[in-house]
């Protein structure tokens, strides 16, 4: 796991698997009770320490419980 102060774009994309729009990713992350800022390009910005405190961390950096569960209609 990277040692940066914020989650990488790759980590955010893994958490928000299946979502392509930045606004949708921000809404999804906020529903996980995370404080989300936006980068100048609109991508979500999440502090790593806050993420770990709220959601916990795994060896891979992303908990499988955080993955969206899509229902088929």
Protein backbone atom coordinates (compact mmCIF):
# COMPACT_ATOMS: atom_id res chain seq x y z
CA UNK A 1 0.00 0.00 0.00
CA UNK A 2 1.34 3.44 -0.85
CA UNK A 3 2.48 5.64 2.01
CA UNK A 4 0.85 8.83 0.63
CA UNK A 5 -1.45 11.01 2.67
CA UNK A 6 -4.35 10.41 0.25
CA UNK A 7 -5.76 7.39 -1.56
CA UNK A 8 -4.43 7.04 -5.09
CA UNK A 9 -6.72 7.30 -8.12
CA UNK A 10 -6.28 3.55 -8.60
CA UNK A 11 -7.40 2.85 -5.02
CA UNK A 12 -10.42 5.14 -5.37
CA UNK A 13 -11.32 3.45 -8.67
CA UNK A 14 -11.07 0.03 -6.98
CA UNK A 15 -13.38 1.12 -4.17
CA UNK A 16 -15.80 2.60 -6.71
CA UNK A 17 -15.59 -0.34 -9.12
CA UNK A 18 -18.25 -0.07 -11.80
CA UNK A 19 -18.59 3.70 -11.52
CA UNK A 20 -17.06 5.85 -14.24
CA UNK A 21 -18.27 9.38 -13.53
CA UNK A 22 -16.40 11.36 -10.90
CA UNK A 23 -19.62 12.78 -9.42
CA UNK A 24 -20.98 9.24 -8.96
CA UNK A 25 -17.74 8.20 -7.24
CA UNK A 26 -17.98 11.18 -4.87
CA UNK A 27 -21.60 10.31 -3.97
CA UNK A 28 -20.70 6.64 -3.43
CA UNK A 29 -17.75 7.51 -1.17
CA UNK A 30 -19.88 9.97 0.81
CA UNK A 31 -22.45 7.21 1.37
CA UNK A 32 -19.62 5.21 2.95
CA UNK A 33 -19.38 8.03 5.54
CA UNK A 34 -16.14 9.33 4.08
CA UNK A 35 -15.21 12.99 3.83
CA UNK A 36 -14.52 13.56 0.15
CA UNK A 37 -12.85 16.57 -1.43
CA UNK A 38 -12.42 17.07 -5.14
CA UNK A 39 -9.24 17.45 -7.12
CA UNK A 40 -9.10 20.28 -9.68
CA UNK A 41 -9.95 17.72 -12.39
CA UNK A 42 -13.10 16.64 -10.47
CA UNK A 43 -11.78 13.29 -9.23
CA UNK A 44 -12.52 12.35 -5.61
CA UNK A 45 -9.83 13.00 -3.01
CA UNK A 46 -9.94 10.92 0.19
CA UNK A 47 -7.47 11.16 3.05
CA UNK A 48 -5.87 7.76 3.71
CA UNK A 49 -5.89 8.08 7.52
CA UNK A 50 -9.58 9.07 7.48
CA UNK A 51 -10.41 6.15 5.17
CA UNK A 52 -8.55 3.72 7.45
CA UNK A 53 -10.27 5.12 10.55
CA UNK A 54 -13.77 4.98 9.06
CA UNK A 55 -13.64 1.88 6.88
CA UNK A 56 -10.62 -0.09 8.10
CA UNK A 57 -7.79 -1.38 5.97
CA UNK A 58 -6.88 -4.77 4.53
CA UNK A 59 -3.61 -6.16 3.26
CA UNK A 60 -4.59 -5.13 -0.27
CA UNK A 61 -5.71 -1.70 0.84
CA UNK A 62 -9.34 -2.08 -0.24
CA UNK A 63 -11.92 -4.03 1.72
CA UNK A 64 -14.11 -6.29 -0.40
CA UNK A 65 -17.06 -5.17 1.74
CA UNK A 66 -16.74 -1.74 0.14
CA UNK A 67 -17.36 -2.95 -3.38
CA UNK A 68 -20.71 -1.98 -4.88
CA UNK A 69 -23.20 -4.80 -5.12
CA UNK A 70 -25.07 -4.41 -8.37
CA UNK A 71 -28.47 -5.98 -8.67
CA UNK A 72 -29.72 -7.28 -11.99
CA UNK A 73 -33.22 -6.21 -12.87
